[in-house]
Amino acid sequence: MERTNGEEILVYATLGPEGSNHDYVLRNRLRDTGGGARILYEPSAEKMLDRCVNGEATHLMICAAHPRAADVVAIAQYTHGILLTETFIAASEPLAILCRRGIERPRTIALHPATRRYTSLDGFDEIIDATSTVAAFDGVVQGLWDCALTQRRFAENSRVWMSRSVEAARDAWLVLSHGKMQLS
């Protein structure tokens, strides 16, 4: 546990990378609650949980819609005694289907599995699972696939065009720690 001047510093482990939807929601939550914290970004739910188990993080936050959320909560509580201490509803960042310029008929789209049902994917020949919405976008820019379901703000990049806008989802978010339960 980190301390500054004898006071505990909150450290949140969440799914990354920086700029991801988990980052967006956590930063907004900390701003809205007036709390400060250090954020550790992890590429997987398992690594995020390990940070909390090992004492490197005081809290972990995961979207309830994430495919691994149920496992994280169960393993945290029943194996490690890390409890679900807070729940809240928050809007995610608005999304869009962004496609690489120069592609006449987009055939492939990458997305994070949690976003698969956010919009129709009819017309795509192949759907590719990405580790995050940021990774999905990076793959478009790198030429790995034609399109990505990713943050709408990336439409400012001159190498892509917006095929479809997707409104922000409102999801349940889960915070686990060694503390007491709070519902908000």
C-alpha atoms as a PDB file:
ATOM      1  CA  MET A   1       0.000   0.000   0.000  1.00  0.00           C
ATOM      2  CA  GLU A   2       1.353   3.412  -0.958  1.00  0.00           C
ATOM      3  CA  ARG A   3       1.384   6.295   1.499  1.00  0.00           C
ATOM      4  CA  THR A   4       2.171   9.993   1.262  1.00  0.00           C
ATOM      5  CA  ASN A   5       2.609  11.938   4.505  1.00  0.00           C
ATOM      6  CA  GLY A   6       1.110   8.986   6.363  1.00  0.00           C
ATOM      7  CA  GLU A   7      -2.056   8.976   4.238  1.00  0.00           C
ATOM      8  CA  GLU A   8      -3.016   6.035   2.061  1.00  0.00           C
ATOM      9  CA  ILE A   9      -2.894   6.659  -1.671  1.00  0.00           C
ATOM     10  CA  LEU A  10      -5.658   4.917  -3.556  1.00  0.00           C
ATOM     11  CA  VAL A  11      -4.389   2.830  -6.438  1.00  0.00           C
ATOM     12  CA  TYR A  12      -6.910   1.485  -8.948  1.00  0.00           C
ATOM     13  CA  ALA A  13      -6.153  -1.393 -11.279  1.00  0.00           C
ATOM     14  CA  THR A  14      -8.338  -1.342 -14.359  1.00  0.00           C
ATOM     15  CA  LEU A  15      -8.297  -2.524 -17.930  1.00  0.00           C
ATOM     16  CA  GLY A  16      -6.166  -0.463 -20.249  1.00  0.00           C
ATOM     17  CA  PRO A  17      -4.532   0.963 -22.069  1.00  0.00           C
ATOM     18  CA  GLU A  18      -4.748   4.622 -21.125  1.00  0.00           C
ATOM     19  CA  GLY A  19      -7.448   6.153 -23.301  1.00  0.00           C
ATOM     20  CA  SER A  20      -9.649   3.056 -23.063  1.00  0.00           C
ATOM     21  CA  ASN A  21     -13.263   3.133 -21.965  1.00  0.00           C
ATOM     22  CA  HIS A  22     -12.276   1.841 -18.513  1.00  0.00           C
ATOM     23  CA  ASP A  23      -9.851   4.758 -18.246  1.00  0.00           C
ATOM     24  CA  TYR A  24     -12.542   7.222 -19.375  1.00  0.00           C
ATOM     25  CA  VAL A  25     -15.105   6.019 -16.825  1.00  0.00           C
ATOM     26  CA  LEU A  26     -12.628   5.744 -13.942  1.00  0.00           C
ATOM     27  CA  ARG A  27     -11.185   9.222 -14.510  1.00  0.00           C
ATOM     28  CA  ASN A  28     -14.702  10.693 -14.667  1.00  0.00           C
ATOM     29  CA  ARG A  29     -15.705   8.821 -11.498  1.00  0.00           C
ATOM     30  CA  LEU A  30     -12.662  10.043  -9.595  1.00  0.00           C
ATOM     31  CA  ARG A  31     -13.297  13.610 -10.793  1.00  0.00           C
ATOM     32  CA  ASP A  32     -16.982  13.464  -9.828  1.00  0.00           C
ATOM     33  CA  THR A  33     -16.320  12.027  -6.367  1.00  0.00           C
ATOM     34  CA  GLY A  34     -13.399  14.340  -5.674  1.00  0.00           C
ATOM     35  CA  GLY A  35     -11.090  11.408  -5.168  1.00  0.00           C
ATOM     36  CA  GLY A  36      -7.560  11.235  -6.369  1.00  0.00           C
ATOM     37  CA  ALA A  37      -5.824   8.006  -7.206  1.00  0.00           C
ATOM     38  CA  ARG A  38      -3.055   6.439  -9.172  1.00  0.00           C
ATOM     39  CA  ILE A  39      -4.256   4.196 -12.007  1.00  0.00           C
ATOM     40  CA  LEU A  40      -2.584   0.974 -13.115  1.00  0.00           C
ATOM     41  CA  TYR A  41      -3.614  -0.220 -16.578  1.00  0.00           C
ATOM     42  CA  GLU A  42      -3.620  -3.923 -17.302  1.00  0.00           C
ATOM     43  CA  PRO A  43      -4.249  -5.781 -20.568  1.00  0.00           C
ATOM     44  CA  SER A  44      -6.354  -8.524 -18.965  1.00  0.00           C
ATOM     45  CA  ALA A  45      -8.820  -9.033 -16.129  1.00  0.00           C
ATOM     46  CA  GLU A  46      -6.513 -11.631 -14.589  1.00  0.00           C
ATOM     47  CA  LYS A  47      -3.548  -9.244 -14.416  1.00  0.00           C
ATOM     48  CA  MET A  48      -5.780  -6.528 -12.996  1.00  0.00           C
ATOM     49  CA  LEU A  49      -6.947  -8.910 -10.260  1.00  0.00           C
ATOM     50  CA  ASP A  50      -3.344  -9.980  -9.567  1.00  0.00           C
ATOM     51  CA  ARG A  51      -2.435  -6.327  -8.885  1.00  0.00           C
ATOM     52  CA  CYS A  52      -5.094  -6.168  -6.178  1.00  0.00           C
ATOM     53  CA  VAL A  53      -4.266  -9.603  -4.751  1.00  0.00           C
ATOM     54  CA  ASN A  54      -0.559  -8.689  -4.543  1.00  0.00           C
ATOM     55  CA  GLY A  55      -1.322  -5.413  -2.773  1.00  0.00           C
ATOM     56  CA  GLU A  56      -0.071  -3.260  -5.648  1.00  0.00           C
ATOM     57  CA  ALA A  57      -3.590  -1.840  -6.048  1.00  0.00           C
ATOM     58  CA  THR A  58      -6.090  -0.940  -3.340  1.00  0.00           C
ATOM     59  CA  HIS A  59      -9.051  -1.200  -5.730  1.00  0.00           C
ATOM     60  CA  LEU A  60      -9.954  -2.671  -9.060  1.00  0.00           C
ATOM     61  CA  MET A  61     -12.674  -1.490 -11.387  1.00  0.00           C
ATOM     62  CA  ILE A  62     -14.319  -3.444 -14.193  1.00  0.00           C
ATOM     63  CA  CYS A  63     -17.390  -2.942 -16.340  1.00  0.00           C
ATOM     64  CA  ALA A  64     -20.120  -5.444 -15.521  1.00  0.00           C
ATOM     65  CA  ALA A  65     -20.567  -6.005 -19.273  1.00  0.00           C
ATOM     66  CA  HIS A  66     -16.972  -7.172 -19.661  1.00  0.00           C
ATOM     67  CA  PRO A  67     -16.897 -10.884 -20.570  1.00  0.00           C
ATOM     68  CA  ARG A  68     -14.623 -11.675 -17.571  1.00  0.00           C
ATOM     69  CA  ALA A  69     -16.475  -9.570 -14.959  1.00  0.00           C
ATOM     70  CA  ALA A  70     -18.354 -12.483 -13.335  1.00  0.00           C
ATOM     71  CA  ASP A  71     -15.142 -14.505 -13.004  1.00  0.00           C
ATOM     72  CA  VAL A  72     -13.216 -11.545 -11.565  1.00  0.00           C
ATOM     73  CA  VAL A  73     -15.886 -10.906  -8.926  1.00  0.00           C
ATOM     74  CA  ALA A  74     -16.178 -14.583  -7.977  1.00  0.00           C
ATOM     75  CA  ILE A  75     -12.423 -15.229  -7.796  1.00  0.00           C
ATOM     76  CA  ALA A  76     -11.778 -11.967  -5.945  1.00  0.00           C
ATOM     77  CA  GLN A  77     -14.429 -12.639  -3.304  1.00  0.00           C
ATOM     78  CA  TYR A  78     -14.268 -16.389  -2.807  1.00  0.00           C
ATOM     79  CA  THR A  79     -10.562 -17.010  -3.355  1.00  0.00           C
ATOM     80  CA  HIS A  80      -8.939 -13.800  -2.134  1.00  0.00           C
ATOM     81  CA  GLY A  81     -11.433 -12.068   0.172  1.00  0.00           C
ATOM     82  CA  ILE A  82     -11.501  -8.967  -2.025  1.00  0.00           C
ATOM     83  CA  LEU A  83     -15.076  -7.714  -1.891  1.00  0.00           C
ATOM     84  CA  LEU A  84     -17.392  -5.924  -4.243  1.00  0.00           C
ATOM     85  CA  THR A  85     -17.422  -2.571  -2.422  1.00  0.00           C
ATOM     86  CA  GLU A  86     -19.045  -0.168  -4.851  1.00  0.00           C
ATOM     87  CA  THR A  87     -21.368  -0.228  -7.831  1.00  0.00           C
ATOM     88  CA  PHE A  88     -22.385   2.665 -10.033  1.00  0.00           C
ATOM     89  CA  ILE A  89     -23.943   3.407 -13.413  1.00  0.00           C
ATOM     90  CA  ALA A  90     -21.946   5.486 -15.876  1.00  0.00           C
ATOM     91  CA  ALA A  91     -22.095   6.368 -19.521  1.00  0.00           C
ATOM     92  CA  SER A  92     -19.240   5.111 -21.612  1.00  0.00           C
ATOM     93  CA  GLU A  93     -17.505   7.188 -24.211  1.00  0.00           C
ATOM     94  CA  PRO A  94     -19.487   7.494 -27.461  1.00  0.00           C
ATOM     95  CA  LEU A  95     -18.385   4.958 -30.057  1.00  0.00           C
ATOM     96  CA  ALA A  96     -18.312   4.743 -33.821  1.00  0.00           C
ATOM     97  CA  ILE A  97     -17.409   2.362 -36.590  1.00  0.00           C
ATOM     98  CA  LEU A  98     -14.288   3.889 -38.083  1.00  0.00           C
ATOM     99  CA  CYS A  99     -12.852   2.587 -41.336  1.00  0.00           C
ATOM    100  CA  ARG A 100      -9.470   3.028 -42.981  1.00  0.00           C
ATOM    101  CA  ARG A 101      -9.503   5.495 -45.863  1.00  0.00           C
ATOM    102  CA  GLY A 102      -9.100   3.931 -49.287  1.00  0.00           C
ATOM    103  CA  ILE A 103     -11.131   0.799 -48.498  1.00  0.00           C
ATOM    104  CA  GLU A 104     -13.949   0.630 -51.045  1.00  0.00           C
ATOM    105  CA  ARG A 105     -15.928  -2.147 -49.354  1.00  0.00           C
ATOM    106  CA  PRO A 106     -14.921  -2.789 -45.745  1.00  0.00           C
ATOM    107  CA  ARG A 107     -14.970  -6.527 -45.007  1.00  0.00           C
ATOM    108  CA  THR A 108     -13.308  -6.841 -41.586  1.00  0.00           C
ATOM    109  CA  ILE A 109     -14.083  -5.139 -38.286  1.00  0.00           C
ATOM    110  CA  ALA A 110     -12.321  -5.409 -34.946  1.00  0.00           C
ATOM    111  CA  LEU A 111     -14.008  -4.752 -31.630  1.00  0.00           C
ATOM    112  CA  HIS A 112     -13.815  -5.527 -27.955  1.00  0.00           C
ATOM    113  CA  PRO A 113     -16.154  -8.491 -27.259  1.00  0.00           C
ATOM    114  CA  ALA A 114     -18.134  -6.436 -24.711  1.00  0.00           C
ATOM    115  CA  THR A 115     -19.245  -4.085 -27.527  1.00  0.00           C
ATOM    116  CA  ARG A 116     -20.333  -6.807 -29.978  1.00  0.00           C
ATOM    117  CA  ARG A 117     -24.083  -6.112 -29.601  1.00  0.00           C
ATOM    118  CA  TYR A 118     -23.891  -2.304 -29.538  1.00  0.00           C
ATOM    119  CA  THR A 119     -24.742  -1.982 -33.239  1.00  0.00           C
ATOM    120  CA  SER A 120     -25.485  -4.127 -36.274  1.00  0.00           C
ATOM    121  CA  LEU A 121     -22.413  -5.718 -37.795  1.00  0.00           C
ATOM    122  CA  ASP A 122     -24.258  -6.925 -40.900  1.00  0.00           C
ATOM    123  CA  GLY A 123     -22.182  -6.537 -44.021  1.00  0.00           C
ATOM    124  CA  PHE A 124     -18.854  -7.480 -42.447  1.00  0.00           C
ATOM    125  CA  ASP A 125     -17.347 -10.790 -43.540  1.00  0.00           C
ATOM    126  CA  GLU A 126     -15.134 -11.160 -40.460  1.00  0.00           C
ATOM    127  CA  ILE A 127     -15.417  -9.918 -36.888  1.00  0.00           C
ATOM    128  CA  ILE A 128     -12.133  -9.834 -34.986  1.00  0.00           C
ATOM    129  CA  ASP A 129     -11.905  -9.709 -31.186  1.00  0.00           C
ATOM    130  CA  ALA A 130      -9.504  -7.030 -29.927  1.00  0.00           C
ATOM    131  CA  THR A 131      -8.166  -6.638 -26.400  1.00  0.00           C
ATOM    132  CA  SER A 132      -9.617  -3.112 -26.150  1.00  0.00           C
ATOM    133  CA  THR A 133     -11.397  -0.494 -28.218  1.00  0.00           C
ATOM    134  CA  VAL A 134      -8.051   1.328 -28.429  1.00  0.00           C
ATOM    135  CA  ALA A 135      -6.357  -1.807 -29.807  1.00  0.00           C
ATOM    136  CA  ALA A 136      -9.186  -2.147 -32.339  1.00  0.00           C
ATOM    137  CA  PHE A 137      -8.510   1.382 -33.586  1.00  0.00           C
ATOM    138  CA  ASP A 138      -4.738   0.867 -33.636  1.00  0.00           C
ATOM    139  CA  GLY A 139      -5.256  -2.157 -35.896  1.00  0.00           C
ATOM    140  CA  VAL A 140      -7.157  -0.046 -38.425  1.00  0.00           C
ATOM    141  CA  VAL A 141      -4.349   2.514 -38.571  1.00  0.00           C
ATOM    142  CA  GLN A 142      -1.768  -0.301 -38.881  1.00  0.00           C
ATOM    143  CA  GLY A 143      -3.727  -1.899 -41.750  1.00  0.00           C
ATOM    144  CA  LEU A 144      -4.540  -5.119 -39.858  1.00  0.00           C
ATOM    145  CA  TRP A 145      -8.291  -4.825 -40.530  1.00  0.00           C
ATOM    146  CA  ASP A 146     -10.625  -2.477 -42.370  1.00  0.00           C
ATOM    147  CA  CYS A 147     -12.756  -1.045 -39.553  1.00  0.00           C
ATOM    148  CA  ALA A 148     -13.080  -0.859 -35.779  1.00  0.00           C
ATOM    149  CA  LEU A 149     -15.887  -0.288 -33.317  1.00  0.00           C
ATOM    150  CA  THR A 150     -13.998   2.216 -31.190  1.00  0.00           C
ATOM    151  CA  GLN A 151     -14.159   5.636 -29.544  1.00  0.00           C
ATOM    152  CA  ARG A 152     -15.790   8.270 -31.716  1.00  0.00           C
ATOM    153  CA  ARG A 153     -13.059  10.783 -30.807  1.00  0.00           C
ATOM    154  CA  PHE A 154     -10.620   8.807 -32.992  1.00  0.00           C
ATOM    155  CA  ALA A 155     -12.600   9.975 -36.061  1.00  0.00           C
ATOM    156  CA  GLU A 156     -10.401  13.090 -35.973  1.00  0.00           C
ATOM    157  CA  ASN A 157      -7.570  10.945 -37.356  1.00  0.00           C
ATOM    158  CA  SER A 158      -7.133  11.728 -41.052  1.00  0.00           C
ATOM    159  CA  ARG A 159      -6.474   8.049 -41.882  1.00  0.00           C
ATOM    160  CA  VAL A 160     -10.047   6.982 -41.070  1.00  0.00           C
ATOM    161  CA  TRP A 161     -13.621   7.890 -41.905  1.00  0.00           C
ATOM    162  CA  MET A 162     -16.714   7.365 -39.755  1.00  0.00           C
ATOM    163  CA  SER A 163     -19.082   4.755 -41.141  1.00  0.00           C
ATOM    164  CA  ARG A 164     -21.537   4.875 -38.237  1.00  0.00           C
ATOM    165  CA  SER A 165     -21.927   6.689 -34.938  1.00  0.00           C
ATOM    166  CA  VAL A 166     -22.916   4.644 -31.859  1.00  0.00           C
ATOM    167  CA  GLU A 167     -24.342   6.404 -28.823  1.00  0.00           C
ATOM    168  CA  ALA A 168     -22.703   5.951 -25.451  1.00  0.00           C
ATOM    169  CA  ALA A 169     -23.848   2.905 -23.524  1.00  0.00           C
ATOM    170  CA  ARG A 170     -24.855   3.192 -19.886  1.00  0.00           C
ATOM    171  CA  ASP A 171     -23.299   0.312 -18.015  1.00  0.00           C
ATOM    172  CA  ALA A 172     -22.972  -0.941 -14.484  1.00  0.00           C
ATOM    173  CA  TRP A 173     -19.446  -0.628 -13.104  1.00  0.00           C
ATOM    174  CA  LEU A 174     -17.996  -2.681 -10.283  1.00  0.00           C
ATOM    175  CA  VAL A 175     -15.311  -1.686  -7.796  1.00  0.00           C
ATOM    176  CA  LEU A 176     -13.672  -4.318  -5.614  1.00  0.00           C
ATOM    177  CA  SER A 177     -11.387  -3.725  -2.647  1.00  0.00           C
ATOM    178  CA  HIS A 178     -10.643  -4.873   0.873  1.00  0.00           C
ATOM    179  CA  GLY A 179     -13.195  -2.354   2.222  1.00  0.00           C
ATOM    180  CA  LYS A 180     -16.927  -2.266   2.992  1.00  0.00           C
ATOM    181  CA  MET A 181     -19.826  -2.308   0.510  1.00  0.00           C
ATOM    182  CA  GLN A 182     -21.238   1.004  -0.815  1.00  0.00           C
ATOM    183  CA  LEU A 183     -24.081   1.185  -3.301  1.00  0.00           C
ATOM    184  CA  SER A 184     -24.518   4.358  -5.335  1.00  0.00           C
END
